[in-house]
Protein backbone atom coordinates (compact mmCIF):
# COMPACT_ATOMS: atom_id res chain seq x y z
CA MET A 1 189.65 -64.92 -58.43
CA ILE A 2 192.14 -66.69 -60.68
CA ILE A 3 195.45 -67.68 -59.08
CA LEU A 4 198.30 -69.21 -61.08
CA CYS A 5 201.19 -70.78 -59.20
CA GLY A 6 203.99 -73.25 -59.77
CA ASP A 7 207.31 -73.76 -61.51
CA PHE A 8 207.23 -71.77 -64.78
CA ASN A 9 210.96 -72.29 -65.65
CA SER A 10 210.94 -68.55 -66.35
CA ARG A 11 213.59 -66.13 -65.16
CA ILE A 12 212.16 -62.64 -65.65
CA GLY A 13 214.96 -60.60 -64.05
CA ASN A 14 213.97 -56.92 -63.88
CA LEU A 15 211.43 -57.13 -66.73
CA LYS A 16 208.21 -55.29 -65.90
CA ASP A 17 205.07 -57.39 -65.53
CA TYR A 18 202.89 -54.28 -65.81
CA SER A 19 202.49 -51.26 -68.06
CA GLU A 20 203.06 -47.61 -67.21
CA PHE A 21 199.29 -47.16 -66.81
CA ASP A 22 198.96 -49.84 -64.12
CA CYS A 23 199.10 -48.64 -60.52
CA ILE A 24 200.77 -51.56 -58.78
CA PRO A 25 203.88 -51.70 -56.56
CA THR A 26 207.25 -52.42 -58.15
CA ARG A 27 209.21 -55.62 -57.50
CA ASN A 28 212.39 -56.01 -55.49
CA VAL A 29 214.49 -58.10 -57.92
CA ILE A 30 216.93 -60.62 -56.40
CA ASP A 31 217.43 -62.74 -59.54
CA LYS A 32 218.56 -60.42 -62.34
CA THR A 33 218.95 -63.18 -64.96
CA LYS A 34 216.47 -63.36 -67.88
CA ASN A 35 215.72 -66.20 -70.29
CA GLN A 36 213.41 -66.72 -73.26
CA HIS A 37 210.78 -68.41 -71.11
CA GLY A 38 210.85 -65.33 -68.89
CA LYS A 39 210.19 -62.99 -71.82
CA SER A 40 207.25 -65.10 -72.98
CA PHE A 41 205.97 -65.24 -69.41
CA ILE A 42 206.11 -61.44 -69.08
CA GLU A 43 204.23 -61.07 -72.36
CA PHE A 44 201.49 -63.35 -71.04
CA LEU A 45 201.26 -61.40 -67.75
CA ASN A 46 200.96 -58.04 -69.54
CA GLU A 47 198.25 -59.29 -71.87
CA SER A 48 196.22 -60.93 -69.10
CA LYS A 49 196.63 -58.03 -66.63
CA MET A 50 198.21 -60.29 -64.04
CA CYS A 51 201.40 -59.87 -62.02
CA VAL A 52 203.69 -61.98 -59.84
CA LEU A 53 203.74 -61.64 -56.04
CA ASN A 54 207.46 -62.47 -55.73
CA GLY A 55 209.44 -59.45 -54.58
CA ARG A 56 206.42 -57.22 -53.90
CA TYR A 57 206.14 -57.78 -50.16
CA ASP A 58 208.37 -58.18 -47.12
CA PRO A 59 211.92 -58.54 -48.54
CA VAL A 60 213.00 -60.34 -45.35
CA HIS A 61 210.76 -63.28 -46.26
CA ASP A 62 211.49 -63.19 -49.99
CA ASP A 63 214.09 -65.59 -51.33
CA PHE A 64 215.24 -67.67 -54.30
CA THR A 65 212.76 -70.40 -55.15
CA CYS A 66 215.24 -72.93 -56.58
CA VAL A 67 218.50 -73.62 -54.69
CA SER A 68 220.94 -76.36 -55.67
CA GLY A 69 224.63 -76.97 -56.16
CA ARG A 70 224.28 -75.59 -59.70
CA GLY A 71 223.10 -72.20 -58.50
CA LYS A 72 220.09 -70.25 -57.28
CA SER A 73 217.21 -68.75 -59.23
CA VAL A 74 213.64 -67.49 -59.06
CA VAL A 75 211.52 -69.67 -61.36
CA ASP A 76 208.48 -70.40 -59.14
CA TYR A 77 205.81 -67.73 -58.91
CA ILE A 78 202.34 -66.95 -57.65
CA CYS A 79 200.42 -64.77 -60.11
CA VAL A 80 197.16 -62.90 -59.47
CA PRO A 81 195.10 -60.24 -61.31
CA HIS A 82 196.04 -56.64 -60.56
CA ASP A 83 192.82 -55.96 -58.66
CA ALA A 84 193.56 -58.87 -56.30
CA LEU A 85 196.72 -57.28 -54.89
CA LYS A 86 194.66 -55.51 -52.23
CA LEU A 87 193.69 -58.91 -50.82
CA ILE A 88 197.25 -60.11 -50.18
CA GLU A 89 198.14 -60.29 -46.49
CA SER A 90 201.67 -61.73 -46.74
CA PHE A 91 204.08 -63.52 -49.05
CA GLN A 92 207.11 -65.60 -48.16
CA VAL A 93 209.46 -68.16 -49.67
CA ILE A 94 210.49 -71.06 -47.41
CA THR A 95 213.38 -73.28 -48.51
CA ALA A 96 212.89 -77.04 -48.29
CA ARG A 97 215.91 -77.50 -46.00
CA SER A 98 214.60 -74.96 -43.51
CA ILE A 99 211.30 -76.90 -43.38
CA VAL A 100 213.19 -80.13 -42.67
CA GLU A 101 215.13 -78.36 -39.94
CA ASN A 102 212.24 -76.47 -38.33
CA PHE A 103 209.92 -79.50 -38.17
CA ASN A 104 212.64 -82.07 -37.45
CA LEU A 105 211.86 -84.17 -40.54
CA PHE A 106 215.25 -85.88 -40.74
CA GLU A 107 213.56 -89.28 -40.42
CA PHE A 108 212.27 -88.89 -43.99
CA LEU A 109 215.73 -88.35 -45.50
CA GLY A 110 217.35 -91.33 -47.18
CA GLU A 111 218.87 -92.75 -50.32
CA ARG A 112 215.51 -92.67 -52.10
CA SER A 113 214.17 -89.46 -50.58
CA LYS A 114 216.26 -86.35 -51.10
CA VAL A 115 215.50 -82.77 -50.13
CA PRO A 116 213.80 -80.96 -53.06
CA ASP A 117 215.66 -78.12 -54.78
CA HIS A 118 212.51 -76.00 -55.06
CA SER A 119 211.14 -73.96 -52.19
CA VAL A 120 207.64 -73.58 -50.78
CA ILE A 121 205.80 -70.34 -51.53
CA LEU A 122 203.29 -69.28 -48.89
CA THR A 123 200.71 -66.53 -49.44
CA GLU A 124 197.89 -65.38 -47.17
CA PHE A 125 194.78 -63.76 -48.66
CA LYS A 126 192.04 -61.68 -47.10
CA THR A 127 188.47 -62.76 -47.81
CA TYR A 128 185.52 -60.49 -48.65
CA GLU A 129 181.94 -60.60 -49.81
CA GLU A 130 180.05 -58.15 -51.95
CA ALA A 131 176.57 -57.00 -51.03
CA ASN A 132 175.79 -53.31 -51.40
CA GLU A 133 179.42 -52.65 -50.58
CA SER A 134 182.53 -54.75 -50.12
CA TYR A 135 183.55 -55.56 -46.60
CA GLN A 136 186.35 -57.65 -45.17
CA VAL A 137 185.73 -60.78 -43.12
CA THR A 138 188.44 -61.80 -40.68
CA SER A 139 189.05 -65.52 -40.95
CA SER A 140 189.49 -67.54 -37.76
CA LEU A 141 190.78 -70.98 -36.94
CA PRO A 142 188.14 -73.73 -36.99
CA LYS A 143 186.99 -75.08 -33.67
CA ARG A 144 188.25 -78.46 -32.55
CA TYR A 145 185.68 -80.05 -30.29
CA LYS A 146 186.56 -82.53 -27.55
CA LEU A 147 184.34 -85.27 -28.92
CA ASN A 148 185.22 -87.66 -26.10
CA SER A 149 183.40 -85.27 -23.76
CA ILE A 150 179.93 -85.42 -25.36
CA PRO A 151 177.43 -85.32 -22.47
CA ASN A 152 174.56 -87.77 -22.09
CA ASP A 153 171.97 -84.99 -22.51
CA PHE A 154 173.24 -83.97 -25.95
CA LEU A 155 170.21 -82.90 -28.07
CA ALA A 156 167.99 -84.00 -25.18
CA SER A 157 166.54 -80.63 -24.16
CA ASP A 158 162.91 -79.82 -24.94
CA MET A 159 163.92 -77.00 -27.28
CA ARG A 160 166.22 -79.26 -29.35
CA LYS A 161 163.65 -82.05 -29.46
CA THR A 162 161.02 -79.61 -30.76
CA ALA A 163 163.41 -78.33 -33.43
CA LEU A 164 164.22 -81.88 -34.57
CA GLN A 165 160.54 -82.84 -34.68
CA THR A 166 159.87 -79.76 -36.83
CA LEU A 167 162.60 -80.86 -39.22
CA ILE A 168 161.19 -84.37 -39.40
CA PHE A 169 157.78 -82.89 -40.23
CA LYS A 170 159.36 -80.79 -43.01
CA ILE A 171 161.08 -83.86 -44.44
CA GLU A 172 157.77 -85.70 -44.54
CA THR A 173 155.77 -82.84 -46.07
CA THR A 174 158.05 -80.44 -47.99
CA ARG A 175 160.63 -82.29 -50.01
CA GLU A 176 159.41 -81.60 -53.51
CA ASN A 177 162.63 -80.08 -54.81
CA GLN A 178 166.33 -79.84 -54.08
CA THR A 179 166.06 -76.33 -52.62
CA ASN A 180 163.73 -77.52 -49.85
CA MET A 181 166.07 -80.42 -49.03
CA ASP A 182 169.08 -78.07 -48.92
CA ASN A 183 167.25 -75.76 -46.50
CA ILE A 184 166.29 -78.67 -44.28
CA TYR A 185 169.86 -79.94 -44.24
CA SER A 186 171.15 -76.44 -43.41
CA ASP A 187 168.68 -76.16 -40.50
CA LEU A 188 169.79 -79.56 -39.18
CA CYS A 189 173.46 -78.50 -39.31
CA ASN A 190 172.66 -75.28 -37.43
CA ILE A 191 170.81 -77.19 -34.69
CA ILE A 192 173.71 -79.63 -34.21
CA ILE A 193 176.37 -76.89 -34.27
CA ASP A 194 174.46 -74.75 -31.76
CA GLU A 195 174.16 -77.75 -29.44
CA MET A 196 177.88 -78.54 -29.85
CA ASN A 197 178.80 -74.95 -28.99
CA ALA A 198 176.60 -75.10 -25.90
CA LYS A 199 177.49 -78.57 -24.61
CA ILE A 200 180.90 -79.72 -25.91
CA PRO A 201 184.17 -78.09 -24.81
CA VAL A 202 186.72 -77.10 -27.46
CA PHE A 203 190.50 -77.29 -27.66
CA ASP A 204 192.50 -74.09 -27.34
CA THR A 205 193.80 -73.50 -30.91
CA SER A 206 195.36 -70.13 -30.10
CA ARG A 207 198.44 -71.64 -28.49
CA LYS A 208 201.26 -72.69 -30.76
CA THR A 209 202.48 -76.18 -30.10
CA SER A 210 206.15 -76.81 -29.50
CA LYS A 211 205.83 -80.48 -30.40
CA ARG A 212 208.63 -81.83 -32.54
CA PHE A 213 208.76 -85.00 -34.56
CA LYS A 214 211.10 -87.68 -33.37
CA VAL A 215 214.08 -88.59 -35.47
CA GLY A 216 213.06 -92.08 -36.53
CA LYS A 217 216.07 -93.00 -38.67
CA PRO A 218 218.13 -95.51 -36.66
CA TYR A 219 221.25 -94.66 -38.65
CA TRP A 220 221.08 -90.89 -37.94
CA ASN A 221 224.04 -89.86 -35.79
CA ASP A 222 225.91 -86.79 -34.54
CA HIS A 223 228.26 -86.82 -37.53
CA LEU A 224 225.31 -86.55 -39.95
CA GLY A 225 223.86 -83.77 -37.79
CA SER A 226 227.09 -81.75 -37.94
CA LEU A 227 227.30 -82.23 -41.73
CA TRP A 228 223.70 -81.06 -42.07
CA HIS A 229 224.34 -77.89 -40.05
CA SER A 230 227.50 -77.20 -42.02
CA MET A 231 225.57 -77.52 -45.29
CA ARG A 232 222.77 -75.27 -44.00
CA ASN A 233 225.21 -72.55 -42.94
CA LYS A 234 226.85 -72.60 -46.38
CA GLU A 235 223.44 -72.53 -48.06
CA LYS A 236 222.38 -69.47 -46.03
CA GLY A 237 225.64 -67.68 -46.87
CA PHE A 238 225.20 -68.48 -50.57
CA LEU A 239 221.57 -67.27 -50.59
CA LYS A 240 222.23 -63.99 -48.76
CA PHE A 241 225.30 -62.93 -50.73
CA ARG A 242 224.64 -60.26 -53.40
CA GLY A 243 228.18 -59.05 -54.14
CA ASN A 244 231.18 -59.93 -56.28
CA LEU A 245 230.70 -62.68 -58.86
CA SER A 246 233.88 -64.57 -57.98
CA VAL A 247 232.95 -64.64 -54.27
CA LYS A 248 229.45 -65.75 -55.20
CA ARG A 249 230.91 -68.59 -57.30
CA LYS A 250 233.13 -69.63 -54.40
CA LEU A 251 230.19 -69.70 -51.97
CA ARG A 252 228.17 -71.77 -54.45
CA GLU A 253 230.99 -74.30 -54.80
CA GLU A 254 231.35 -74.56 -51.01
CA PHE A 255 227.62 -75.17 -50.66
CA HIS A 256 227.67 -77.72 -53.50
CA THR A 257 230.59 -79.57 -51.88
CA ALA A 258 228.92 -79.62 -48.46
CA GLN A 259 225.71 -80.88 -50.06
CA LYS A 260 227.52 -83.75 -51.82
CA ILE A 261 229.39 -84.73 -48.65
CA PHE A 262 226.15 -84.87 -46.66
CA ASP A 263 224.28 -86.86 -49.35
CA ARG A 264 227.10 -89.39 -49.73
CA THR A 265 227.51 -89.83 -45.97
CA LEU A 266 223.74 -90.28 -45.54
CA LYS A 267 223.66 -92.96 -48.26
CA ARG A 268 226.67 -94.74 -46.74
CA CYS A 269 225.15 -94.78 -43.25
CA GLU A 270 221.85 -96.07 -44.61
CA ARG A 271 223.56 -98.86 -46.59
CA GLN A 272 225.68 -99.86 -43.60
CA PHE A 273 222.61 -100.05 -41.38
CA ARG A 274 220.71 -102.19 -43.90
CA HIS A 275 223.67 -104.53 -44.30
CA SER A 276 224.09 -104.95 -40.54
CA PHE A 277 220.35 -105.56 -40.19
CA CYS A 278 220.43 -108.29 -42.87
CA VAL A 279 223.41 -109.95 -41.18
CA GLU A 280 221.64 -109.80 -37.82
CA VAL A 281 218.46 -111.38 -39.23
CA GLU A 282 220.47 -114.07 -41.02
CA ASN A 283 222.26 -115.00 -37.79
CA MET A 284 218.95 -115.20 -35.94
CA THR A 285 217.63 -117.91 -38.27
CA THR A 286 220.11 -120.37 -36.75
CA SER A 287 220.96 -118.95 -33.34
CA ASN A 288 217.53 -117.77 -32.15
CA PRO A 289 214.53 -118.62 -34.39
CA ASN A 290 211.98 -117.21 -31.94
CA GLU A 291 213.62 -113.79 -32.00
CA PHE A 292 213.80 -114.03 -35.79
CA TRP A 293 210.03 -114.31 -36.12
CA GLU A 294 209.50 -111.49 -33.61
CA LYS A 295 211.79 -109.34 -35.76
CA ILE A 296 209.83 -110.21 -38.90
CA LYS A 297 206.54 -109.23 -37.25
CA LYS A 298 207.85 -105.75 -36.54
CA LEU A 299 208.80 -105.07 -40.16
CA GLY A 300 205.30 -104.67 -41.61
CA PRO A 301 202.60 -102.09 -40.85
CA ARG A 302 200.85 -102.68 -37.60
CA LYS A 303 197.84 -101.20 -35.88
CA THR A 304 197.52 -100.65 -32.20
CA GLN A 305 194.05 -100.74 -30.77
CA ARG A 306 193.63 -99.70 -27.18
CA ILE A 307 190.44 -99.65 -25.17
CA PRO A 308 190.26 -96.23 -23.44
CA MET A 309 190.34 -96.51 -19.65
CA GLU A 310 187.56 -94.03 -19.00
CA VAL A 311 183.82 -94.04 -18.30
CA TYR A 312 181.06 -91.48 -17.95
CA GLY A 313 179.85 -90.55 -14.49
CA GLU A 314 176.25 -89.91 -13.53
CA ASP A 315 176.64 -86.19 -14.30
CA GLY A 316 178.22 -86.82 -17.71
CA THR A 317 181.82 -86.16 -16.65
CA ILE A 318 184.61 -88.48 -17.78
CA LEU A 319 186.15 -90.58 -15.00
CA THR A 320 189.62 -92.10 -15.37
CA ASP A 321 190.16 -93.66 -11.96
CA ASP A 322 190.94 -97.39 -12.39
CA GLU A 323 188.81 -98.58 -9.47
CA THR A 324 185.82 -96.51 -10.56
CA ILE A 325 186.15 -97.78 -14.15
CA LEU A 326 186.30 -101.45 -13.10
CA ASN A 327 183.31 -101.05 -10.79
CA LYS A 328 181.36 -99.35 -13.57
CA TRP A 329 182.17 -102.17 -16.02
CA LYS A 330 181.24 -104.75 -13.40
CA THR A 331 177.86 -103.11 -12.79
CA GLU A 332 177.09 -102.74 -16.52
CA PHE A 333 177.94 -106.37 -17.30
CA GLN A 334 175.87 -107.56 -14.34
CA ASN A 335 172.88 -105.60 -15.67
CA ILE A 336 173.38 -107.06 -19.18
CA TYR A 337 173.35 -110.64 -17.91
CA LYS A 338 170.54 -109.88 -15.48
CA TYR A 339 168.12 -108.53 -18.09
CA GLY A 340 169.54 -110.32 -21.14
């Protein structure tokens, strides 16, 4: 299936991306403006028998794809062939500021990293295969195995050993062409996966995590937070309004003003923090050289390597008790030096 997506700079308004003979659902138009790029885009869609997904699904999750102080528009699309519409599960537009807010990504905002004007478009597709007839396959989340819980008897059973020996024999005798090698590799993968399913526990991927990222910007404060929420409220009001043009213009100006105030305040706080940091480092060079070098060490990338405080017990279980771990290490090192 061919899927086209991205920023087309095309505003198609209420132009039809299908002919009267095509049986596809109509669009709910939220951006009624048209431009020349939009007309050319519609001509391409009609000739290629493709259509846009914007406006054809849940209107609650549909939105403008470009939002800035200059206005709002729909210029980003996902386009699919007409016969692929039956495979669409959902469609939604997610603004960049809502992503920053929902995932607490304020630490990435700064003078050199602004929030994009364009939104994210998310579409879910069904999957199917064709044999004698088409049937739908429900996709599931991939398993995440607890690889730190691999038991000592992994691939050690008689059945697994026999299967591996058979594969080794095939490698030695039947490797004339690529097809044979592919089959051998597939059999090896199946053996390992079956053993993993039988011996290694998996993480529960059905539960949604409530983990949030920390705000890492040292200059972020309550004042910036209040300005952000004020800007977001004005953005939501501007996006949802569909009425009088003068009121719409007023809401856009209020959003634009709130956006400029937040951006300027963020830049000022970042510059003030950098200046104070430079002054602090400069004072350290004379007042406390040792602290100066400690400060310098923390500026660059650093890796933390930690030896896990855990060992395997006799039955293959993981033990985390400190006394048991130390005794285990003591015994192992004694055996190394004894037989080394």
